[in-house]
């Protein structure tokens, strides 16, 4: 799938679409795009999704579980 990111300068209006169908992709809580002289990367943070993919490269990160030391005191 090819992605199309539409950014107007207002983060609340940002849309990420399936470039082939124009379908708005839901469940994306954030996206970070990095473009260099010879390569580009896009990292997406997804919520509530199912994934079935072939020939996919990437890394899966899970947030750490909060511990008692992480909770604010007071």
N, C-alpha and C. Protein backbone atom coordinates (compact mmCIF):
# COMPACT_ATOMS: atom_id res chain seq x y z
N UNK A 1 0.86 -1.17 0.00
CA UNK A 1 0.00 0.00 0.00
C UNK A 1 0.90 1.23 0.00
N UNK A 2 0.55 2.18 -0.81
CA UNK A 2 1.23 3.47 -0.81
C UNK A 2 0.37 4.44 -0.02
N UNK A 3 1.01 5.28 0.78
CA UNK A 3 0.30 6.23 1.61
C UNK A 3 0.42 7.63 1.04
N UNK A 4 -0.60 8.42 1.25
CA UNK A 4 -0.59 9.83 0.86
C UNK A 4 -0.89 10.63 2.12
N UNK A 5 0.03 11.53 2.48
CA UNK A 5 -0.14 12.36 3.67
C UNK A 5 -0.51 13.76 3.20
N UNK A 6 -1.62 14.27 3.72
CA UNK A 6 -2.07 15.62 3.38
C UNK A 6 -1.93 16.47 4.63
N UNK A 7 -1.05 17.46 4.56
CA UNK A 7 -0.80 18.35 5.69
C UNK A 7 -0.97 19.78 5.21
N UNK A 8 -1.85 20.52 5.85
CA UNK A 8 -2.17 21.89 5.44
C UNK A 8 -1.45 22.94 6.28
N UNK A 9 -0.68 22.52 7.27
CA UNK A 9 -0.06 23.44 8.21
C UNK A 9 -0.78 23.43 9.54
N UNK A 10 -1.96 22.86 9.58
CA UNK A 10 -2.73 22.72 10.82
C UNK A 10 -2.77 21.24 11.17
N UNK A 11 -2.08 20.82 12.25
CA UNK A 11 -2.02 19.39 12.58
C UNK A 11 -3.39 18.73 12.73
N UNK A 12 -4.39 19.48 13.15
CA UNK A 12 -5.71 18.87 13.34
C UNK A 12 -6.38 18.53 12.01
N UNK A 13 -5.87 19.05 10.90
CA UNK A 13 -6.44 18.78 9.58
C UNK A 13 -5.65 17.72 8.80
N UNK A 14 -4.60 17.17 9.40
CA UNK A 14 -3.77 16.19 8.71
C UNK A 14 -4.57 14.93 8.39
N UNK A 15 -4.40 14.43 7.17
CA UNK A 15 -5.08 13.19 6.75
C UNK A 15 -4.03 12.25 6.17
N UNK A 16 -4.23 10.96 6.41
CA UNK A 16 -3.40 9.93 5.79
C UNK A 16 -4.33 9.04 5.01
N UNK A 17 -4.07 8.95 3.71
CA UNK A 17 -4.94 8.22 2.80
C UNK A 17 -4.21 7.05 2.17
N UNK A 18 -4.98 6.06 1.74
CA UNK A 18 -4.48 5.02 0.85
C UNK A 18 -4.34 5.69 -0.51
N UNK A 19 -3.13 5.83 -1.02
CA UNK A 19 -2.89 6.58 -2.25
C UNK A 19 -3.58 5.94 -3.46
N UNK A 20 -3.81 4.63 -3.42
CA UNK A 20 -4.40 3.95 -4.56
C UNK A 20 -5.92 4.09 -4.60
N UNK A 21 -6.56 4.17 -3.41
CA UNK A 21 -8.02 4.20 -3.37
C UNK A 21 -8.58 5.54 -2.88
N UNK A 22 -7.75 6.34 -2.23
CA UNK A 22 -8.23 7.59 -1.66
C UNK A 22 -8.93 7.41 -0.32
N UNK A 23 -8.97 6.17 0.19
CA UNK A 23 -9.63 5.88 1.46
C UNK A 23 -8.86 6.50 2.62
N UNK A 24 -9.58 7.19 3.52
CA UNK A 24 -8.99 7.79 4.71
C UNK A 24 -8.66 6.68 5.69
N UNK A 25 -7.41 6.60 6.12
CA UNK A 25 -7.00 5.56 7.07
C UNK A 25 -7.29 6.02 8.48
N UNK A 26 -8.05 5.24 9.21
CA UNK A 26 -8.44 5.58 10.57
C UNK A 26 -7.54 4.84 11.56
N UNK A 27 -7.52 5.30 12.79
CA UNK A 27 -6.78 4.62 13.84
C UNK A 27 -5.32 5.01 13.92
N UNK A 28 -4.90 6.04 13.20
CA UNK A 28 -3.51 6.51 13.27
C UNK A 28 -3.48 7.65 14.26
N UNK A 29 -2.72 7.48 15.35
CA UNK A 29 -2.68 8.53 16.36
C UNK A 29 -1.56 9.52 16.11
N UNK A 30 -0.51 9.12 15.38
CA UNK A 30 0.55 10.06 15.03
C UNK A 30 1.37 9.51 13.88
N UNK A 31 2.05 10.43 13.20
CA UNK A 31 2.95 10.07 12.10
C UNK A 31 4.17 10.97 12.17
N UNK A 32 5.32 10.38 11.92
CA UNK A 32 6.56 11.15 11.88
C UNK A 32 7.25 10.83 10.57
N UNK A 33 7.57 11.86 9.82
CA UNK A 33 8.19 11.69 8.51
C UNK A 33 9.58 12.29 8.54
N UNK A 34 10.56 11.52 8.07
CA UNK A 34 11.94 11.97 8.00
C UNK A 34 12.43 11.80 6.57
N UNK A 35 12.91 12.89 5.98
CA UNK A 35 13.36 12.85 4.59
C UNK A 35 14.82 13.30 4.53
N UNK A 36 15.66 12.46 3.97
CA UNK A 36 17.07 12.77 3.80
C UNK A 36 17.39 12.85 2.31
N UNK A 37 18.66 13.07 1.97
CA UNK A 37 19.00 13.22 0.55
C UNK A 37 18.84 11.95 -0.27
N UNK A 38 18.91 10.77 0.39
CA UNK A 38 18.85 9.52 -0.36
C UNK A 38 17.76 8.56 0.09
N UNK A 39 17.03 8.92 1.14
CA UNK A 39 15.99 8.02 1.62
C UNK A 39 14.97 8.80 2.45
N UNK A 40 13.82 8.18 2.64
CA UNK A 40 12.76 8.78 3.45
C UNK A 40 12.11 7.69 4.29
N UNK A 41 11.65 8.07 5.47
CA UNK A 41 10.99 7.14 6.38
C UNK A 41 9.71 7.77 6.90
N UNK A 42 8.72 6.93 7.17
CA UNK A 42 7.50 7.38 7.81
C UNK A 42 7.19 6.38 8.92
N UNK A 43 7.07 6.90 10.15
CA UNK A 43 6.71 6.06 11.29
C UNK A 43 5.28 6.39 11.68
N UNK A 44 4.44 5.37 11.78
CA UNK A 44 3.04 5.56 12.15
C UNK A 44 2.78 4.89 13.48
N UNK A 45 2.01 5.55 14.33
CA UNK A 45 1.55 4.95 15.58
C UNK A 45 0.07 4.64 15.37
N UNK A 46 -0.27 3.34 15.45
CA UNK A 46 -1.62 2.87 15.15
C UNK A 46 -2.34 2.45 16.42
N UNK A 47 -3.67 2.59 16.40
CA UNK A 47 -4.51 2.12 17.50
C UNK A 47 -5.61 1.25 16.92
N UNK A 48 -5.95 0.17 17.63
CA UNK A 48 -7.07 -0.69 17.25
C UNK A 48 -7.01 -1.12 15.79
N UNK A 49 -6.05 -1.96 15.45
CA UNK A 49 -5.89 -2.37 14.06
C UNK A 49 -5.64 -3.86 13.96
N UNK A 50 -5.90 -4.38 12.78
CA UNK A 50 -5.54 -5.74 12.40
C UNK A 50 -4.59 -5.62 11.23
N UNK A 51 -3.59 -6.48 11.19
CA UNK A 51 -2.58 -6.38 10.14
C UNK A 51 -2.37 -7.73 9.49
N UNK A 52 -2.48 -7.75 8.20
CA UNK A 52 -2.10 -8.91 7.39
C UNK A 52 -1.24 -8.36 6.28
N UNK A 53 0.02 -8.77 6.23
CA UNK A 53 0.94 -8.15 5.27
C UNK A 53 1.94 -9.17 4.76
N UNK A 54 2.34 -8.99 3.54
CA UNK A 54 3.42 -9.75 2.93
C UNK A 54 4.51 -8.76 2.55
N UNK A 55 5.75 -9.20 2.66
CA UNK A 55 6.87 -8.40 2.20
C UNK A 55 6.95 -7.05 2.91
N UNK A 56 6.76 -7.06 4.23
CA UNK A 56 6.73 -5.84 5.03
C UNK A 56 8.00 -5.77 5.87
N UNK A 57 8.66 -4.61 5.84
CA UNK A 57 9.84 -4.41 6.67
C UNK A 57 9.49 -3.39 7.75
N UNK A 58 10.00 -3.58 8.93
CA UNK A 58 9.76 -2.61 9.99
C UNK A 58 10.08 -3.20 11.34
N UNK A 59 9.84 -2.40 12.37
CA UNK A 59 10.07 -2.82 13.74
C UNK A 59 8.79 -2.59 14.53
N UNK A 60 8.51 -3.48 15.46
CA UNK A 60 7.34 -3.35 16.31
C UNK A 60 7.80 -2.92 17.70
N UNK A 61 7.23 -1.83 18.17
CA UNK A 61 7.54 -1.31 19.49
C UNK A 61 6.29 -1.36 20.34
N UNK A 62 6.41 -1.82 21.56
CA UNK A 62 5.30 -1.82 22.51
C UNK A 62 5.67 -0.89 23.65
N UNK A 63 4.72 -0.07 24.11
CA UNK A 63 5.04 0.81 25.23
C UNK A 63 5.29 -0.01 26.49
N UNK A 64 6.21 0.46 27.34
CA UNK A 64 6.45 -0.28 28.58
C UNK A 64 5.26 -0.19 29.50
N UNK A 65 5.07 -1.22 30.32
CA UNK A 65 3.98 -1.22 31.29
C UNK A 65 4.35 -0.26 32.42
N UNK A 66 3.42 0.57 32.86
CA UNK A 66 3.72 1.49 33.95
C UNK A 66 4.00 0.73 35.24
N UNK A 67 4.92 1.27 36.01
CA UNK A 67 5.25 0.67 37.31
C UNK A 67 4.86 1.64 38.40
N UNK A 68 4.95 1.19 39.64
CA UNK A 68 4.59 2.05 40.78
C UNK A 68 5.46 3.30 40.82
N UNK A 69 6.72 3.20 40.37
CA UNK A 69 7.61 4.36 40.39
C UNK A 69 7.23 5.38 39.32
N UNK A 70 6.42 4.98 38.31
CA UNK A 70 6.00 5.88 37.24
C UNK A 70 4.80 6.73 37.63
N UNK A 71 4.07 6.32 38.66
CA UNK A 71 2.85 7.06 39.03
C UNK A 71 3.22 8.26 39.89
N UNK A 72 2.56 9.40 39.62
CA UNK A 72 2.86 10.60 40.40
C UNK A 72 2.45 10.42 41.87
N UNK A 73 3.23 11.02 42.73
CA UNK A 73 2.94 10.95 44.16
C UNK A 73 2.35 12.28 44.61
N UNK A 74 1.46 12.23 45.54
CA UNK A 74 0.92 13.47 46.06
C UNK A 74 -0.49 13.42 46.27
